[in-house]
């Protein structure tokens, strides 16, 4: 399964077809990861228990709201580059690098450890996307990815501080 729908749009931003294909494949994989993370954040929001419940319940809501906005930004960038974003749960499941978590009780430290690994993975993916986009002269995608990377680094810092 490739992380592209195969269908193109009429948009042409002046980049070579092979470049947009590679960039959009990477972005669709990242989009799939965001959808899995979004679901995981909701799961943890609903199922966190223990002394940190109130704090984490609110923090998790802020995180899934941020991921929701980022999903739209990534999908629209794929469209701007002349491709179609993945848009089905089946495609996300095939393209994601993240793992889902079952609906059960989660203690604060446990769910923060899981999220820390996911956010570190996303930061790594964004660094690869920045290098790929930059190598093809796609400054727009690279710039968007830098902003997303800064957000992931801040979340990594905060999650690390929580579990210190």
C-alpha atoms as a PDB file:
ATOM      1  CA  UNK A   1       0.000   0.000   0.000  1.00  0.00           C
ATOM      2  CA  UNK A   2       1.388   3.337  -0.973  1.00  0.00           C
ATOM      3  CA  UNK A   3       0.473   6.364   1.079  1.00  0.00           C
ATOM      4  CA  UNK A   4      -1.106   8.120  -1.893  1.00  0.00           C
ATOM      5  CA  UNK A   5      -4.550   7.776  -3.376  1.00  0.00           C
ATOM      6  CA  UNK A   6      -3.097   7.711  -6.899  1.00  0.00           C
ATOM      7  CA  UNK A   7      -5.504  10.386  -8.106  1.00  0.00           C
ATOM      8  CA  UNK A   8      -4.114  13.816  -8.882  1.00  0.00           C
ATOM      9  CA  UNK A   9      -5.769  17.215  -8.882  1.00  0.00           C
ATOM     10  CA  UNK A  10      -5.339  19.913 -11.514  1.00  0.00           C
ATOM     11  CA  UNK A  11      -3.095  21.954  -9.229  1.00  0.00           C
ATOM     12  CA  UNK A  12       0.439  22.582 -10.486  1.00  0.00           C
ATOM     13  CA  UNK A  13       2.730  24.598  -8.196  1.00  0.00           C
ATOM     14  CA  UNK A  14       5.767  24.287 -10.449  1.00  0.00           C
ATOM     15  CA  UNK A  15       7.414  21.242  -8.881  1.00  0.00           C
ATOM     16  CA  UNK A  16       8.333  18.103 -10.788  1.00  0.00           C
ATOM     17  CA  UNK A  17       5.768  15.290 -10.720  1.00  0.00           C
ATOM     18  CA  UNK A  18       8.220  12.855  -9.106  1.00  0.00           C
ATOM     19  CA  UNK A  19       8.926  15.403  -6.359  1.00  0.00           C
ATOM     20  CA  UNK A  20       5.277  15.965  -5.498  1.00  0.00           C
ATOM     21  CA  UNK A  21       4.643  12.208  -5.582  1.00  0.00           C
ATOM     22  CA  UNK A  22       7.421  11.542  -3.048  1.00  0.00           C
ATOM     23  CA  UNK A  23       6.502  14.486  -0.842  1.00  0.00           C
ATOM     24  CA  UNK A  24       2.800  13.644  -0.822  1.00  0.00           C
ATOM     25  CA  UNK A  25       3.516   9.992  -0.060  1.00  0.00           C
ATOM     26  CA  UNK A  26       5.465  11.128   3.002  1.00  0.00           C
ATOM     27  CA  UNK A  27       2.766  13.617   3.962  1.00  0.00           C
ATOM     28  CA  UNK A  28       0.010  11.013   3.630  1.00  0.00           C
ATOM     29  CA  UNK A  29       1.941   8.687   5.940  1.00  0.00           C
ATOM     30  CA  UNK A  30       2.212  11.550   8.407  1.00  0.00           C
ATOM     31  CA  UNK A  31      -1.503  12.261   7.960  1.00  0.00           C
ATOM     32  CA  UNK A  32      -2.277   8.632   8.802  1.00  0.00           C
ATOM     33  CA  UNK A  33      -0.128   8.909  11.942  1.00  0.00           C
ATOM     34  CA  UNK A  34      -2.012  12.058  12.954  1.00  0.00           C
ATOM     35  CA  UNK A  35      -5.348  10.265  12.661  1.00  0.00           C
ATOM     36  CA  UNK A  36      -4.163   7.414  14.862  1.00  0.00           C
ATOM     37  CA  UNK A  37      -2.740   9.909  17.370  1.00  0.00           C
ATOM     38  CA  UNK A  38      -6.020  11.878  17.346  1.00  0.00           C
ATOM     39  CA  UNK A  39      -7.968   8.732  18.233  1.00  0.00           C
ATOM     40  CA  UNK A  40      -5.405   7.736  20.853  1.00  0.00           C
ATOM     41  CA  UNK A  41      -5.591  11.167  22.501  1.00  0.00           C
ATOM     42  CA  UNK A  42      -9.366  10.867  22.764  1.00  0.00           C
ATOM     43  CA  UNK A  43      -9.020   7.368  24.189  1.00  0.00           C
ATOM     44  CA  UNK A  44      -6.604   8.602  26.851  1.00  0.00           C
ATOM     45  CA  UNK A  45      -8.758  11.696  27.531  1.00  0.00           C
ATOM     46  CA  UNK A  46     -11.717   9.443  28.296  1.00  0.00           C
ATOM     47  CA  UNK A  47      -9.810   6.737  30.168  1.00  0.00           C
ATOM     48  CA  UNK A  48      -7.156   8.492  32.259  1.00  0.00           C
ATOM     49  CA  UNK A  49      -7.510   7.713  35.960  1.00  0.00           C
ATOM     50  CA  UNK A  50      -5.645   8.524  39.130  1.00  0.00           C
ATOM     51  CA  UNK A  51      -4.379  11.615  40.902  1.00  0.00           C
ATOM     52  CA  UNK A  52      -3.468  13.404  37.663  1.00  0.00           C
ATOM     53  CA  UNK A  53      -6.896  12.867  36.103  1.00  0.00           C
ATOM     54  CA  UNK A  54      -8.058  16.467  36.042  1.00  0.00           C
ATOM     55  CA  UNK A  55      -4.774  17.893  34.768  1.00  0.00           C
ATOM     56  CA  UNK A  56      -4.259  15.280  32.070  1.00  0.00           C
ATOM     57  CA  UNK A  57      -7.920  15.285  31.030  1.00  0.00           C
ATOM     58  CA  UNK A  58      -7.589  18.966  30.107  1.00  0.00           C
ATOM     59  CA  UNK A  59      -4.105  18.652  28.585  1.00  0.00           C
ATOM     60  CA  UNK A  60      -5.228  15.775  26.374  1.00  0.00           C
ATOM     61  CA  UNK A  61      -8.158  17.841  25.108  1.00  0.00           C
ATOM     62  CA  UNK A  62      -5.758  20.599  24.087  1.00  0.00           C
ATOM     63  CA  UNK A  63      -3.517  18.082  22.337  1.00  0.00           C
ATOM     64  CA  UNK A  64      -6.305  16.493  20.319  1.00  0.00           C
ATOM     65  CA  UNK A  65      -7.646  19.918  19.344  1.00  0.00           C
ATOM     66  CA  UNK A  66      -4.173  20.810  18.026  1.00  0.00           C
ATOM     67  CA  UNK A  67      -3.904  17.522  16.107  1.00  0.00           C
ATOM     68  CA  UNK A  68      -7.354  18.104  14.617  1.00  0.00           C
ATOM     69  CA  UNK A  69      -6.199  21.439  13.171  1.00  0.00           C
ATOM     70  CA  UNK A  70      -2.942  19.917  11.922  1.00  0.00           C
ATOM     71  CA  UNK A  71      -4.807  17.130  10.105  1.00  0.00           C
ATOM     72  CA  UNK A  72      -6.586  19.755   8.024  1.00  0.00           C
ATOM     73  CA  UNK A  73      -3.358  21.639   7.335  1.00  0.00           C
ATOM     74  CA  UNK A  74      -1.553  18.509   6.124  1.00  0.00           C
ATOM     75  CA  UNK A  75      -4.446  17.306   3.949  1.00  0.00           C
ATOM     76  CA  UNK A  76      -4.773  20.729   2.335  1.00  0.00           C
ATOM     77  CA  UNK A  77      -1.037  20.850   1.606  1.00  0.00           C
ATOM     78  CA  UNK A  78      -1.304  17.510  -0.209  1.00  0.00           C
ATOM     79  CA  UNK A  79      -4.088  19.009  -2.321  1.00  0.00           C
ATOM     80  CA  UNK A  80      -2.023  22.145  -2.994  1.00  0.00           C
ATOM     81  CA  UNK A  81       0.713  19.911  -4.396  1.00  0.00           C
ATOM     82  CA  UNK A  82      -1.723  18.306  -6.827  1.00  0.00           C
ATOM     83  CA  UNK A  83      -2.471  15.029  -5.049  1.00  0.00           C
ATOM     84  CA  UNK A  84      -5.291  13.635  -2.936  1.00  0.00           C
ATOM     85  CA  UNK A  85      -4.941  13.079   0.803  1.00  0.00           C
ATOM     86  CA  UNK A  86      -5.793   9.729   2.279  1.00  0.00           C
ATOM     87  CA  UNK A  87      -9.304   9.906   3.671  1.00  0.00           C
ATOM     88  CA  UNK A  88     -10.421   6.516   4.951  1.00  0.00           C
ATOM     89  CA  UNK A  89      -9.794   4.622   8.151  1.00  0.00           C
ATOM     90  CA  UNK A  90      -8.683   1.617   6.098  1.00  0.00           C
ATOM     91  CA  UNK A  91      -6.046   3.704   4.299  1.00  0.00           C
ATOM     92  CA  UNK A  92      -4.873   5.303   7.559  1.00  0.00           C
ATOM     93  CA  UNK A  93      -4.551   1.882   9.159  1.00  0.00           C
ATOM     94  CA  UNK A  94      -2.372   0.661   6.273  1.00  0.00           C
ATOM     95  CA  UNK A  95      -0.205   3.790   6.122  1.00  0.00           C
ATOM     96  CA  UNK A  96       0.367   4.577   9.804  1.00  0.00           C
ATOM     97  CA  UNK A  97       3.535   3.870  11.754  1.00  0.00           C
ATOM     98  CA  UNK A  98       1.808   4.356  15.122  1.00  0.00           C
ATOM     99  CA  UNK A  99      -0.045   1.760  17.162  1.00  0.00           C
ATOM    100  CA  UNK A 100      -3.571   2.052  18.485  1.00  0.00           C
ATOM    101  CA  UNK A 101      -4.293   1.504  22.171  1.00  0.00           C
ATOM    102  CA  UNK A 102      -7.276  -0.363  23.625  1.00  0.00           C
ATOM    103  CA  UNK A 103     -10.037   1.319  25.601  1.00  0.00           C
ATOM    104  CA  UNK A 104      -9.082   0.659  29.217  1.00  0.00           C
ATOM    105  CA  UNK A 105      -7.904   2.506  32.310  1.00  0.00           C
ATOM    106  CA  UNK A 106      -4.613   4.428  31.943  1.00  0.00           C
ATOM    107  CA  UNK A 107      -2.505   5.935  34.696  1.00  0.00           C
ATOM    108  CA  UNK A 108      -0.928   9.291  33.941  1.00  0.00           C
ATOM    109  CA  UNK A 109       2.673   8.145  33.710  1.00  0.00           C
ATOM    110  CA  UNK A 110       1.779   5.225  31.455  1.00  0.00           C
ATOM    111  CA  UNK A 111      -0.132   7.278  28.898  1.00  0.00           C
ATOM    112  CA  UNK A 112       2.474  10.053  28.930  1.00  0.00           C
ATOM    113  CA  UNK A 113       5.183   7.466  28.187  1.00  0.00           C
ATOM    114  CA  UNK A 114       3.154   6.184  25.224  1.00  0.00           C
ATOM    115  CA  UNK A 115       2.496   9.688  23.908  1.00  0.00           C
ATOM    116  CA  UNK A 116       6.108  10.722  24.346  1.00  0.00           C
ATOM    117  CA  UNK A 117       7.208   7.922  22.006  1.00  0.00           C
ATOM    118  CA  UNK A 118       4.524   8.885  19.490  1.00  0.00           C
ATOM    119  CA  UNK A 119       5.471  12.558  19.500  1.00  0.00           C
ATOM    120  CA  UNK A 120       9.163  11.665  19.150  1.00  0.00           C
ATOM    121  CA  UNK A 121       8.259   9.501  16.158  1.00  0.00           C
ATOM    122  CA  UNK A 122       6.285  12.379  14.621  1.00  0.00           C
ATOM    123  CA  UNK A 123       9.212  14.759  15.149  1.00  0.00           C
ATOM    124  CA  UNK A 124      11.503  12.297  13.376  1.00  0.00           C
ATOM    125  CA  UNK A 125       9.013  11.989  10.492  1.00  0.00           C
ATOM    126  CA  UNK A 126       8.814  15.768  10.184  1.00  0.00           C
ATOM    127  CA  UNK A 127      12.597  16.077  10.058  1.00  0.00           C
ATOM    128  CA  UNK A 128      12.626  13.562   7.193  1.00  0.00           C
ATOM    129  CA  UNK A 129       9.832  15.487   5.431  1.00  0.00           C
ATOM    130  CA  UNK A 130      11.718  18.779   5.826  1.00  0.00           C
ATOM    131  CA  UNK A 131      14.817  17.216   4.253  1.00  0.00           C
ATOM    132  CA  UNK A 132      12.795  15.612   1.446  1.00  0.00           C
ATOM    133  CA  UNK A 133      10.832  18.768   0.637  1.00  0.00           C
ATOM    134  CA  UNK A 134      13.924  20.970   0.827  1.00  0.00           C
ATOM    135  CA  UNK A 135      15.808  18.623  -1.462  1.00  0.00           C
ATOM    136  CA  UNK A 136      13.090  19.080  -4.082  1.00  0.00           C
ATOM    137  CA  UNK A 137      12.869  22.855  -3.701  1.00  0.00           C
ATOM    138  CA  UNK A 138       9.495  22.687  -1.959  1.00  0.00           C
ATOM    139  CA  UNK A 139      10.012  25.471   0.551  1.00  0.00           C
ATOM    140  CA  UNK A 140       6.259  25.706   1.265  1.00  0.00           C
ATOM    141  CA  UNK A 141       6.023  22.152   2.581  1.00  0.00           C
ATOM    142  CA  UNK A 142       9.354  22.471   4.395  1.00  0.00           C
ATOM    143  CA  UNK A 143       8.173  25.671   6.078  1.00  0.00           C
ATOM    144  CA  UNK A 144       4.864  24.094   7.145  1.00  0.00           C
ATOM    145  CA  UNK A 145       6.746  21.071   8.487  1.00  0.00           C
ATOM    146  CA  UNK A 146       9.157  23.266  10.476  1.00  0.00           C
ATOM    147  CA  UNK A 147       6.197  24.863  12.254  1.00  0.00           C
ATOM    148  CA  UNK A 148       4.718  21.445  13.001  1.00  0.00           C
ATOM    149  CA  UNK A 149       8.103  20.230  14.232  1.00  0.00           C
ATOM    150  CA  UNK A 150       8.370  23.148  16.665  1.00  0.00           C
ATOM    151  CA  UNK A 151       4.957  22.199  18.092  1.00  0.00           C
ATOM    152  CA  UNK A 152       6.027  18.553  18.463  1.00  0.00           C
ATOM    153  CA  UNK A 153       9.268  19.568  20.190  1.00  0.00           C
ATOM    154  CA  UNK A 154       7.338  21.690  22.685  1.00  0.00           C
ATOM    155  CA  UNK A 155       4.986  18.794  23.415  1.00  0.00           C
ATOM    156  CA  UNK A 156       7.948  16.427  23.842  1.00  0.00           C
ATOM    157  CA  UNK A 157       9.508  18.879  26.303  1.00  0.00           C
ATOM    158  CA  UNK A 158       6.278  19.143  28.302  1.00  0.00           C
ATOM    159  CA  UNK A 159       5.608  15.390  28.345  1.00  0.00           C
ATOM    160  CA  UNK A 160       9.204  14.761  29.433  1.00  0.00           C
ATOM    161  CA  UNK A 161       8.863  17.309  32.230  1.00  0.00           C
ATOM    162  CA  UNK A 162       5.628  15.690  33.401  1.00  0.00           C
ATOM    163  CA  UNK A 163       7.288  12.294  33.836  1.00  0.00           C
ATOM    164  CA  UNK A 164      10.533  13.614  35.366  1.00  0.00           C
END
